[in-house]
């Protein structure tokens, strides 16, 4: 029975270390995605666009960016329930919520601290 306890303890420690490593490795990417949602929804369009990959900025010019986010309610909380990382970047999904409890599903792909794909649906409109 002592051996089983030691094995279980070792597994718990191993899982904890893996979770901690994933959290540390994806911290910057989660911050990038979170900042994007907060900036875009509060009218800080230039700062939000700077978090996009250069090619995505080309495909999503400032005037179009402003049109999409112009009447969006400001999000106050962004949390990610699923985060996966690999050599090709970080993928994450979660929920963004406004102060009046409107929620949107958010999905991001981030590569080297730059957003290469995103989706916020449905946008919480004023």
Protein backbone atom coordinates (compact mmCIF):
# COMPACT_ATOMS: atom_id res chain seq x y z
CA UNK A 1 0.00 0.00 0.00
CA UNK A 2 2.91 2.37 0.70
CA UNK A 3 4.24 1.80 -2.82
CA UNK A 4 0.85 2.68 -4.34
CA UNK A 5 0.76 5.87 -2.27
CA UNK A 6 4.22 6.85 -3.47
CA UNK A 7 3.27 6.19 -7.09
CA UNK A 8 0.11 8.27 -6.76
CA UNK A 9 2.03 11.09 -5.08
CA UNK A 10 4.63 11.02 -7.86
CA UNK A 11 1.88 11.19 -10.49
CA UNK A 12 0.22 14.13 -8.75
CA UNK A 13 3.55 15.97 -8.56
CA UNK A 14 4.28 15.20 -12.22
CA UNK A 15 0.88 16.49 -13.34
CA UNK A 16 1.38 19.60 -11.23
CA UNK A 17 4.77 20.27 -12.82
CA UNK A 18 3.34 19.82 -16.33
CA UNK A 19 0.43 22.19 -15.59
CA UNK A 20 2.84 24.76 -14.16
CA UNK A 21 5.15 24.50 -17.19
CA UNK A 22 2.27 24.95 -19.65
CA UNK A 23 1.04 27.92 -17.62
CA UNK A 24 4.48 29.53 -17.66
CA UNK A 25 5.10 28.80 -21.35
CA UNK A 26 1.76 30.28 -22.45
CA UNK A 27 1.59 33.25 -20.08
CA UNK A 28 2.81 35.77 -22.65
CA UNK A 29 0.48 34.47 -25.37
CA UNK A 30 -2.53 34.57 -23.03
CA UNK A 31 -1.63 38.15 -22.10
CA UNK A 32 -1.41 39.10 -25.80
CA UNK A 33 -4.87 37.66 -26.52
CA UNK A 34 -6.41 39.17 -23.39
CA UNK A 35 -4.93 42.61 -24.14
CA UNK A 36 -6.24 42.43 -27.71
CA UNK A 37 -9.83 41.89 -26.54
CA UNK A 38 -9.63 44.62 -23.90
CA UNK A 39 -7.97 47.16 -26.22
CA UNK A 40 -10.21 46.50 -29.23
CA UNK A 41 -13.38 46.74 -27.16
CA UNK A 42 -12.36 50.04 -25.52
CA UNK A 43 -11.53 51.88 -28.73
CA UNK A 44 -7.75 51.44 -28.57
CA UNK A 45 -7.72 50.19 -32.16
CA UNK A 46 -4.14 51.10 -33.07
CA UNK A 47 -2.73 49.38 -29.98
CA UNK A 48 -4.94 46.33 -30.54
CA UNK A 49 -3.90 46.03 -34.21
CA UNK A 50 -0.22 46.12 -33.22
CA UNK A 51 -0.77 42.76 -31.49
CA UNK A 52 -1.71 41.19 -34.83
CA UNK A 53 0.82 39.48 -37.09
CA UNK A 54 2.00 41.82 -39.87
CA UNK A 55 0.17 39.84 -42.55
CA UNK A 56 -3.06 39.91 -40.54
CA UNK A 57 -2.71 43.70 -40.15
CA UNK A 58 -2.49 43.94 -43.94
CA UNK A 59 -5.65 41.86 -44.34
CA UNK A 60 -7.46 43.84 -41.61
CA UNK A 61 -6.79 47.58 -42.25
CA UNK A 62 -7.47 50.13 -39.50
CA UNK A 63 -10.69 51.48 -41.03
CA UNK A 64 -12.18 47.97 -41.27
CA UNK A 65 -10.96 47.20 -37.75
CA UNK A 66 -12.72 50.33 -36.44
CA UNK A 67 -15.95 49.41 -38.25
CA UNK A 68 -16.02 45.94 -36.70
CA UNK A 69 -15.32 47.07 -33.13
CA UNK A 70 -16.95 50.57 -33.13
CA UNK A 71 -20.13 49.66 -31.24
CA UNK A 72 -18.78 46.81 -29.13
CA UNK A 73 -19.35 46.98 -25.38
CA UNK A 74 -16.10 47.07 -23.40
CA UNK A 75 -15.12 43.66 -22.12
CA UNK A 76 -13.93 43.65 -18.52
CA UNK A 77 -12.88 40.03 -18.10
CA UNK A 78 -11.22 37.53 -20.43
CA UNK A 79 -10.49 33.98 -19.31
CA UNK A 80 -9.20 30.97 -21.20
CA UNK A 81 -10.47 27.48 -20.40
CA UNK A 82 -8.44 25.66 -23.03
CA UNK A 83 -4.81 26.41 -23.87
CA UNK A 84 -2.64 24.22 -26.11
CA UNK A 85 0.94 24.95 -27.06
CA UNK A 86 3.29 23.40 -29.59
CA UNK A 87 6.21 24.39 -31.75
CA UNK A 88 3.78 26.06 -34.13
CA UNK A 89 2.30 28.42 -31.53
CA UNK A 90 -0.43 28.56 -28.92
CA UNK A 91 -4.15 27.96 -29.46
CA UNK A 92 -6.65 29.04 -26.84
CA UNK A 93 -10.38 29.35 -26.35
CA UNK A 94 -12.33 30.99 -23.60
CA UNK A 95 -14.89 33.63 -22.71
CA UNK A 96 -14.86 37.43 -22.67
CA UNK A 97 -17.46 39.13 -20.45
CA UNK A 98 -18.72 42.70 -20.14
CA UNK A 99 -19.71 44.42 -16.89
CA UNK A 100 -23.39 43.83 -17.70
CA UNK A 101 -22.72 40.07 -18.05
CA UNK A 102 -22.81 39.78 -21.84
CA UNK A 103 -20.44 36.99 -22.88
CA UNK A 104 -18.62 36.11 -26.10
CA UNK A 105 -16.64 33.03 -27.01
CA UNK A 106 -13.06 33.94 -27.90
CA UNK A 107 -10.57 31.86 -29.88
CA UNK A 108 -6.97 32.81 -30.63
CA UNK A 109 -3.90 31.41 -32.29
CA UNK A 110 -0.71 33.17 -31.25
CA UNK A 111 2.78 32.72 -32.66
CA UNK A 112 5.73 34.47 -31.00
CA UNK A 113 3.51 36.96 -29.16
CA UNK A 114 1.64 37.95 -32.33
CA UNK A 115 -1.94 36.97 -33.10
CA UNK A 116 -2.18 34.95 -36.31
CA UNK A 117 -5.92 34.17 -36.05
CA UNK A 118 -8.80 35.23 -33.81
CA UNK A 119 -12.56 34.95 -33.46
CA UNK A 120 -14.87 36.71 -31.02
CA UNK A 121 -18.48 35.59 -31.35
CA UNK A 122 -20.99 36.90 -30.88
CA UNK A 123 -19.68 40.40 -30.25
CA UNK A 124 -21.49 42.17 -27.41
CA UNK A 125 -22.98 45.27 -29.06
CA UNK A 126 -24.17 48.45 -27.40
